[in-house]
Amino acid sequence: MIRRRSVPHALLLSGKPGSEALPLALATAKRILCTNPTEDGDACGECLSCRQAAVLDNPDLIPVFPIAKEGDSKEVVSMMQMPLFREMMKKYPRFTDHEWKEIQNSGNRQLSIMVAEAEKLIERTALKSFNSANQVVVIWLPETMRTDTANKLLKLFEEPPEGVIFIAVTNNPEGLLPTILSRFQKVHVPPIPEELLFRALKRDYAISETKAREAAHLAEGNLYTALKLSGALGEKEEQDRVLDEALSVFECAYGRDPRAYLLKAEALSKESRPFVLDVTDRLLSVMREALALKEEKISDVPGRSFVYVPGEFLVRTKKISSVLPKSAIAPLMEEIASARQELRQNANVKILYFDLLIQIARHRKK
């Protein structure tokens, strides 16, 4: 698009949490603002604009991201939290909203892009650019916009001042208001090919060949997930705990004991919300593995080429797959996805999981 000089004024890059969507958005912004691009059309990396963009200190680059507001305190805008955001980018090779909440010490408070942010953005984009012919606004997680924020920005997204380009990065396009979604040109950021991910883990993060190979296979093209699984971020035990809990949810549901459902729901309600969200995401992964296991039984492909679950959890996953009809997987995934969305909107964990356990039990083979 840049080479053809056909960059739209509003781009929406979508990918899984921790995917390459945000790095791509920042690299694109850096290239648009570069004052001395290379012959092949990339950012030079050496001009003042590039050096400033690399540390999010370019006056023509406007980062927007959600903030965890404290009680009745005054609304906070991204500019006020830039030191923390830069700290996160230095600390983590890839990150999600979980790391961002952790750095903010936000606990269970929800992240949101507030009305004050919209007002500040309208004010800043009305000014002329400093070093470049453009201003680039990179919005991370636009799905966290409050409705009043989104409504205030509709006109700006539709008819921005000359030279203003919006690049939004979403993990959940369905979470955006249709009126916002319609104003952006959508680009899906694909996963990293497994072999490329394997080489990067070995080369850039000094991970052993055995661990890198396993992590690259299990991560489904996501560097963030691969780094967690390999232990490079010191979180492999936590990831194993999440998967263990997700499998235990299915095992509890298939026990068909309402008292056990209540105990499980109560136990999860005492965990942190980020952990419960991770478990809910893993429920979807378990569904995917259950389907893969069924397909492998009827395919000519030997081994576990389609299965992305660590060996120590494979036996439990196979048991779950064996009692789950293939026809039930799609509707059950819809139930889990709906539950995940409600959790992100601060639903009561105990009530939601008690209901979800009942829904999972309904889909077991009779």
Protein backbone atom coordinates (compact mmCIF):
# COMPACT_ATOMS: atom_id res chain seq x y z
CA MET A 1 0.00 0.00 0.00
CA ILE A 2 2.82 2.41 0.90
CA ARG A 3 4.72 1.63 -2.31
CA ARG A 4 1.56 2.13 -4.36
CA ARG A 5 0.78 5.30 -2.39
CA SER A 6 -2.64 3.85 -1.63
CA VAL A 7 -2.64 3.73 2.18
CA PRO A 8 -6.24 4.27 3.37
CA HIS A 9 -6.86 6.81 6.12
CA ALA A 10 -8.05 4.06 8.47
CA LEU A 11 -6.54 0.55 8.70
CA LEU A 12 -7.62 -2.19 11.10
CA LEU A 13 -5.05 -4.94 11.71
CA SER A 14 -6.46 -7.99 13.47
CA GLY A 15 -4.66 -10.89 15.10
CA LYS A 16 -4.60 -13.03 18.22
CA PRO A 17 -3.38 -11.52 21.52
CA GLY A 18 0.40 -11.13 21.37
CA SER A 19 0.42 -11.55 17.58
CA GLU A 20 2.46 -9.56 15.05
CA ALA A 21 -0.38 -7.07 14.50
CA LEU A 22 0.93 -4.38 16.88
CA PRO A 23 4.58 -4.68 15.75
CA LEU A 24 3.35 -4.45 12.15
CA ALA A 25 1.28 -1.36 12.97
CA LEU A 26 4.27 0.36 14.59
CA ALA A 27 6.59 -0.62 11.73
CA THR A 28 4.06 0.73 9.22
CA ALA A 29 3.75 3.99 11.18
CA LYS A 30 7.55 4.28 11.28
CA ARG A 31 7.76 3.80 7.51
CA ILE A 32 5.02 6.34 6.78
CA LEU A 33 6.81 8.94 8.92
CA CYS A 34 10.34 8.14 7.66
CA THR A 35 11.93 11.14 5.92
CA ASN A 36 14.55 9.10 4.02
CA PRO A 37 13.14 5.68 3.02
CA THR A 38 15.45 3.09 1.46
CA GLU A 39 15.44 2.16 -2.23
CA ASP A 40 13.30 -0.92 -1.57
CA GLY A 41 10.72 1.26 0.20
CA ASP A 42 11.45 0.43 3.85
CA ALA A 43 12.07 2.88 6.71
CA CYS A 44 15.73 3.94 6.88
CA GLY A 45 15.92 3.52 10.66
CA GLU A 46 18.47 6.33 10.89
CA CYS A 47 16.63 9.61 10.33
CA LEU A 48 15.40 11.62 13.32
CA SER A 49 11.83 10.53 12.64
CA CYS A 50 12.77 6.81 12.65
CA ARG A 51 14.85 7.10 15.82
CA GLN A 52 12.02 8.88 17.62
CA ALA A 53 9.37 6.44 16.36
CA ALA A 54 11.43 3.47 17.60
CA VAL A 55 10.99 4.67 21.20
CA LEU A 56 7.46 6.08 20.72
CA ASP A 57 8.74 9.65 21.03
CA ASN A 58 7.91 10.97 17.56
CA PRO A 59 5.56 13.99 17.77
CA ASP A 60 3.83 12.80 14.58
CA LEU A 61 3.16 9.34 16.04
CA ILE A 62 0.20 9.29 18.44
CA PRO A 63 -0.21 6.03 20.41
CA VAL A 64 -3.63 5.38 21.94
CA PHE A 65 -4.25 2.47 24.32
CA PRO A 66 -6.70 1.50 27.08
CA ILE A 67 -6.16 2.55 30.68
CA ALA A 68 -7.42 1.03 33.93
CA LYS A 69 -9.25 3.85 35.70
CA GLU A 70 -9.19 3.97 39.49
CA GLY A 71 -12.62 4.46 41.10
CA ASP A 72 -14.04 7.93 40.63
CA SER A 73 -10.68 9.45 39.69
CA LYS A 74 -10.34 11.78 36.75
CA GLU A 75 -10.18 10.08 33.35
CA VAL A 76 -6.65 9.28 32.21
CA VAL A 77 -5.34 9.56 28.63
CA SER A 78 -2.58 7.57 26.95
CA MET A 79 -0.09 10.43 26.99
CA MET A 80 -0.10 10.36 30.80
CA GLN A 81 0.80 6.65 30.85
CA MET A 82 3.46 6.69 28.10
CA PRO A 83 6.40 6.01 30.50
CA LEU A 84 4.65 2.80 31.67
CA PHE A 85 3.80 1.77 28.10
CA ARG A 86 7.42 2.26 27.00
CA GLU A 87 8.53 0.21 30.01
CA MET A 88 6.25 -2.64 28.93
CA MET A 89 7.57 -2.55 25.36
CA LYS A 90 11.15 -2.80 26.65
CA LYS A 91 10.34 -5.59 29.09
CA TYR A 92 8.32 -7.88 26.82
CA PRO A 93 9.20 -8.99 23.26
CA ARG A 94 5.45 -9.43 22.70
CA PHE A 95 2.65 -8.68 25.15
CA THR A 96 -1.10 -8.69 25.70
CA ASP A 97 -3.53 -6.72 27.84
CA HIS A 98 -2.57 -9.01 30.75
CA GLU A 99 1.00 -7.64 30.87
CA TRP A 100 -0.32 -4.11 30.47
CA LYS A 101 -2.69 -4.54 33.43
CA GLU A 102 0.14 -6.06 35.45
CA ILE A 103 2.45 -3.07 34.87
CA GLN A 104 -0.38 -0.70 35.82
CA ASN A 105 -1.11 -2.76 38.97
CA SER A 106 -4.74 -2.62 37.91
CA GLY A 107 -5.88 -5.87 39.54
CA ASN A 108 -9.38 -6.71 38.29
CA ARG A 109 -10.14 -3.21 37.03
CA GLN A 110 -11.18 -3.15 33.39
CA LEU A 111 -9.17 -1.49 30.65
CA SER A 112 -10.95 1.12 28.55
CA ILE A 113 -10.32 3.98 26.14
CA MET A 114 -12.16 6.87 27.75
CA VAL A 115 -13.98 9.95 26.49
CA ALA A 116 -11.11 12.20 27.56
CA GLU A 117 -8.93 10.26 25.10
CA ALA A 118 -11.33 11.05 22.24
CA GLU A 119 -11.30 14.74 23.13
CA LYS A 120 -7.50 14.80 23.28
CA LEU A 121 -7.22 12.95 19.96
CA ILE A 122 -9.54 15.41 18.19
CA GLU A 123 -7.43 18.25 19.58
CA ARG A 124 -4.06 16.73 18.56
CA THR A 125 -5.04 15.72 15.02
CA ALA A 126 -6.29 19.24 14.37
CA LEU A 127 -2.67 20.46 14.68
CA LYS A 128 -0.18 20.35 11.80
CA SER A 129 2.41 17.56 11.71
CA PHE A 130 5.95 18.39 12.87
CA ASN A 131 8.57 16.52 10.81
CA SER A 132 6.53 14.51 8.32
CA ALA A 133 3.73 15.16 5.86
CA ASN A 134 1.60 12.79 7.95
CA GLN A 135 0.39 12.12 11.46
CA VAL A 136 -0.14 8.45 12.34
CA VAL A 137 -2.46 7.43 15.18
CA VAL A 138 -1.87 3.83 16.37
CA ILE A 139 -4.82 2.61 18.44
CA TRP A 140 -4.16 -0.59 20.40
CA LEU A 141 -7.30 -2.55 21.35
CA PRO A 142 -10.01 -0.23 19.96
CA GLU A 143 -12.59 -2.77 21.14
CA THR A 144 -12.04 -1.37 24.65
CA MET A 145 -13.50 1.99 23.62
CA ARG A 146 -16.52 2.96 25.66
CA THR A 147 -19.61 3.61 23.56
CA ASP A 148 -19.49 7.34 24.27
CA THR A 149 -15.81 7.39 23.23
CA ALA A 150 -16.54 5.60 19.97
CA ASN A 151 -19.47 7.88 19.13
CA LYS A 152 -17.31 10.95 19.73
CA LEU A 153 -14.69 9.65 17.27
CA LEU A 154 -17.03 8.56 14.45
CA LYS A 155 -16.68 11.76 12.44
CA LEU A 156 -12.91 11.88 12.93
CA PHE A 157 -12.54 8.30 11.66
CA GLU A 158 -14.73 9.03 8.65
CA GLU A 159 -13.23 12.40 7.64
CA PRO A 160 -9.86 12.95 9.35
CA PRO A 161 -7.80 16.10 8.72
CA GLU A 162 -5.50 15.89 5.69
CA GLY A 163 -2.46 13.68 6.30
CA VAL A 164 -3.88 11.90 9.37
CA ILE A 165 -3.78 8.10 9.17
CA PHE A 166 -5.32 5.73 11.74
CA ILE A 167 -3.88 2.23 12.27
CA ALA A 168 -5.93 0.25 14.79
CA VAL A 169 -4.87 -3.13 16.23
CA THR A 170 -7.57 -5.47 17.48
CA ASN A 171 -7.71 -8.94 19.03
CA ASN A 172 -11.50 -9.01 18.69
CA PRO A 173 -12.99 -7.25 15.63
CA GLU A 174 -16.48 -8.41 16.68
CA GLY A 175 -16.10 -6.34 19.84
CA LEU A 176 -16.07 -3.11 17.83
CA LEU A 177 -19.23 -1.16 17.15
CA PRO A 178 -20.41 -1.76 13.55
CA THR A 179 -20.29 2.00 12.95
CA ILE A 180 -16.58 2.00 13.83
CA LEU A 181 -15.79 -1.23 11.98
CA SER A 182 -17.30 0.09 8.74
CA ARG A 183 -14.88 3.03 8.68
CA PHE A 184 -11.71 0.89 8.62
CA GLN A 185 -10.11 -1.21 5.90
CA LYS A 186 -9.53 -4.61 7.48
CA VAL A 187 -6.27 -6.59 7.25
CA HIS A 188 -5.84 -9.97 8.96
CA VAL A 189 -2.29 -10.49 10.24
CA PRO A 190 -1.47 -14.18 9.71
CA PRO A 191 0.42 -16.40 12.16
CA ILE A 192 4.17 -16.94 11.80
CA PRO A 193 5.07 -20.13 9.85
CA GLU A 194 6.22 -22.83 12.27
CA GLU A 195 9.73 -23.22 10.81
CA LEU A 196 10.34 -19.46 10.88
CA LEU A 197 9.14 -19.30 14.48
CA PHE A 198 11.42 -22.20 15.42
CA ARG A 199 14.46 -20.46 13.91
CA ALA A 200 13.62 -17.16 15.64
CA LEU A 201 13.31 -18.85 19.05
CA LYS A 202 16.76 -20.42 18.66
CA ARG A 203 18.47 -17.40 17.12
CA ASP A 204 16.97 -14.46 19.01
CA TYR A 205 16.10 -15.96 22.40
CA ALA A 206 18.80 -18.64 22.83
CA ILE A 207 16.21 -21.39 23.41
CA SER A 208 17.46 -24.96 23.05
CA GLU A 209 16.57 -26.80 19.85
CA THR A 210 14.29 -29.30 21.61
CA LYS A 211 12.33 -26.63 23.52
CA ALA A 212 12.20 -24.32 20.50
CA ARG A 213 10.84 -27.10 18.28
CA GLU A 214 8.11 -28.04 20.77
CA ALA A 215 7.14 -24.43 21.51
CA ALA A 216 7.04 -23.49 17.80
CA HIS A 217 4.72 -26.43 17.12
CA LEU A 218 2.40 -25.76 20.07
CA ALA A 219 2.19 -21.98 19.66
CA GLU A 220 0.19 -22.03 16.41
CA GLY A 221 2.28 -19.26 14.87
CA ASN A 222 2.23 -16.90 17.87
CA LEU A 223 5.60 -15.68 19.19
CA TYR A 224 4.07 -14.51 22.47
CA THR A 225 2.64 -17.99 23.13
CA ALA A 226 5.88 -19.67 22.03
CA LEU A 227 7.95 -17.60 24.45
CA LYS A 228 5.60 -18.50 27.30
CA LEU A 229 5.58 -22.20 26.43
CA SER A 230 9.37 -22.35 26.12
CA GLY A 231 9.85 -20.77 29.54
CA ALA A 232 11.68 -17.76 28.05
CA LEU A 233 9.35 -15.41 29.95
CA GLY A 234 9.55 -17.53 33.09
CA GLU A 235 5.87 -18.49 32.81
CA LYS A 236 5.78 -22.08 31.58
CA GLU A 237 4.54 -23.32 34.96
CA GLU A 238 1.72 -20.77 34.84
CA GLN A 239 0.76 -21.88 31.31
CA ASP A 240 0.73 -25.52 32.42
CA ARG A 241 -1.50 -24.51 35.34
CA VAL A 242 -3.92 -22.75 32.95
CA LEU A 243 -4.15 -25.82 30.69
CA ASP A 244 -4.53 -28.12 33.69
CA GLU A 245 -7.42 -25.98 34.96
CA ALA A 246 -9.10 -25.88 31.53
CA LEU A 247 -8.96 -29.67 31.26
CA SER A 248 -10.31 -30.00 34.80
CA VAL A 249 -13.32 -27.82 33.82
CA PHE A 250 -14.27 -30.38 31.15
CA GLU A 251 -13.59 -33.29 33.49
CA CYS A 252 -15.77 -31.68 36.15
CA ALA A 253 -18.58 -31.04 33.67
CA TYR A 254 -18.54 -34.62 32.44
CA GLY A 255 -18.84 -35.88 36.02
CA ARG A 256 -22.45 -34.57 35.95
CA ASP A 257 -22.48 -33.57 39.62
CA PRO A 258 -24.11 -30.14 40.22
CA ARG A 259 -22.44 -29.88 43.63
CA ALA A 260 -19.04 -30.29 41.97
CA TYR A 261 -20.04 -27.61 39.43
CA LEU A 262 -20.73 -25.18 42.26
CA LEU A 263 -17.40 -25.92 43.97
CA LYS A 264 -15.51 -25.49 40.69
CA ALA A 265 -17.29 -22.21 39.91
CA GLU A 266 -16.59 -20.92 43.44
CA ALA A 267 -12.90 -21.87 43.16
CA LEU A 268 -12.54 -20.04 39.84
CA SER A 269 -14.32 -16.98 41.25
CA LYS A 270 -11.50 -16.65 43.80
CA GLU A 271 -8.82 -16.54 41.07
CA SER A 272 -7.68 -13.35 39.37
CA ARG A 273 -9.74 -12.33 36.33
CA PRO A 274 -6.71 -12.54 33.96
CA PHE A 275 -6.23 -16.17 35.06
CA VAL A 276 -9.93 -16.98 34.50
CA LEU A 277 -9.77 -15.34 31.06
CA ASP A 278 -6.68 -17.43 30.23
CA VAL A 279 -8.51 -20.59 31.31
CA THR A 280 -11.53 -19.65 29.17
CA ASP A 281 -9.26 -19.08 26.17
CA ARG A 282 -7.74 -22.50 26.83
CA LEU A 283 -11.20 -24.10 26.79
CA LEU A 284 -11.42 -23.03 23.16
CA SER A 285 -7.95 -24.49 22.50
CA VAL A 286 -9.05 -27.80 24.05
CA MET A 287 -12.04 -27.85 21.70
CA ARG A 288 -9.72 -27.33 18.77
CA GLU A 289 -7.49 -30.22 19.94
CA ALA A 290 -10.53 -32.45 20.44
CA LEU A 291 -11.49 -31.87 16.81
CA ALA A 292 -7.89 -32.40 15.62
CA LEU A 293 -7.75 -35.74 17.46
CA LYS A 294 -10.98 -36.84 15.78
CA GLU A 295 -9.67 -35.84 12.35
CA GLU A 296 -6.39 -37.66 12.84
CA LYS A 297 -8.26 -40.90 13.52
CA ILE A 298 -9.75 -40.79 10.03
CA SER A 299 -6.81 -39.20 8.18
CA ASP A 300 -3.82 -40.81 6.49
CA VAL A 301 -1.41 -38.43 8.21
CA PRO A 302 0.69 -40.32 10.77
CA GLY A 303 1.67 -39.01 14.19
CA ARG A 304 0.43 -35.90 15.91
CA SER A 305 0.94 -33.36 13.13
CA PHE A 306 -2.39 -31.64 13.76
CA VAL A 307 -2.33 -31.80 17.56
CA TYR A 308 -0.91 -28.90 19.56
CA VAL A 309 -1.03 -30.03 23.17
CA PRO A 310 1.97 -30.95 25.39
CA GLY A 311 2.49 -34.67 25.84
CA GLU A 312 1.78 -34.73 29.59
CA PHE A 313 -1.73 -33.41 28.92
CA LEU A 314 -2.45 -35.49 25.82
CA VAL A 315 -4.09 -38.47 27.57
CA ARG A 316 -6.61 -36.20 29.33
CA THR A 317 -7.33 -34.34 26.09
CA LYS A 318 -7.98 -37.65 24.29
CA LYS A 319 -10.50 -38.67 26.97
CA ILE A 320 -12.34 -35.37 26.55
CA SER A 321 -12.34 -35.81 22.76
CA SER A 322 -13.66 -39.37 23.04
CA VAL A 323 -16.83 -38.34 24.90
CA LEU A 324 -17.53 -35.26 22.79
CA PRO A 325 -19.54 -35.76 19.58
CA LYS A 326 -18.01 -34.02 16.59
CA SER A 327 -21.33 -32.28 15.92
CA ALA A 328 -21.19 -30.68 19.38
CA ILE A 329 -17.81 -28.97 18.97
CA ALA A 330 -18.97 -25.93 16.96
CA PRO A 331 -21.97 -25.06 19.19
CA LEU A 332 -19.91 -25.62 22.33
CA MET A 333 -17.17 -23.31 21.00
CA GLU A 334 -19.86 -20.66 20.49
CA GLU A 335 -20.97 -21.08 24.11
CA ILE A 336 -17.39 -20.69 25.35
CA ALA A 337 -16.70 -17.69 23.10
CA SER A 338 -19.85 -16.04 24.41
CA ALA A 339 -18.77 -16.73 28.00
CA ARG A 340 -15.35 -15.23 27.29
CA GLN A 341 -16.93 -12.07 25.93
CA GLU A 342 -19.13 -11.76 29.02
CA LEU A 343 -16.09 -12.20 31.27
CA ARG A 344 -14.32 -9.37 29.46
CA GLN A 345 -17.39 -7.27 30.22
CA ASN A 346 -16.95 -8.03 33.95
CA ALA A 347 -19.57 -10.78 34.30
CA ASN A 348 -19.84 -12.66 37.61
CA VAL A 349 -17.35 -15.55 37.36
CA LYS A 350 -19.21 -17.91 39.71
CA ILE A 351 -22.59 -17.60 37.95
CA LEU A 352 -21.06 -17.70 34.47
CA TYR A 353 -18.95 -20.81 35.09
CA PHE A 354 -21.73 -22.69 36.85
CA ASP A 355 -23.85 -22.15 33.75
CA LEU A 356 -20.96 -23.00 31.40
CA LEU A 357 -20.34 -26.32 33.17
CA ILE A 358 -24.00 -27.22 32.63
CA GLN A 359 -23.73 -26.29 28.93
CA ILE A 360 -20.58 -28.44 28.52
CA ALA A 361 -22.29 -31.41 30.22
CA ARG A 362 -25.27 -31.11 27.85
CA HIS A 363 -22.99 -31.82 24.88
CA ARG A 364 -21.46 -35.03 26.22
CA LYS A 365 -22.24 -38.29 24.41
CA LYS A 366 -25.17 -40.08 26.00
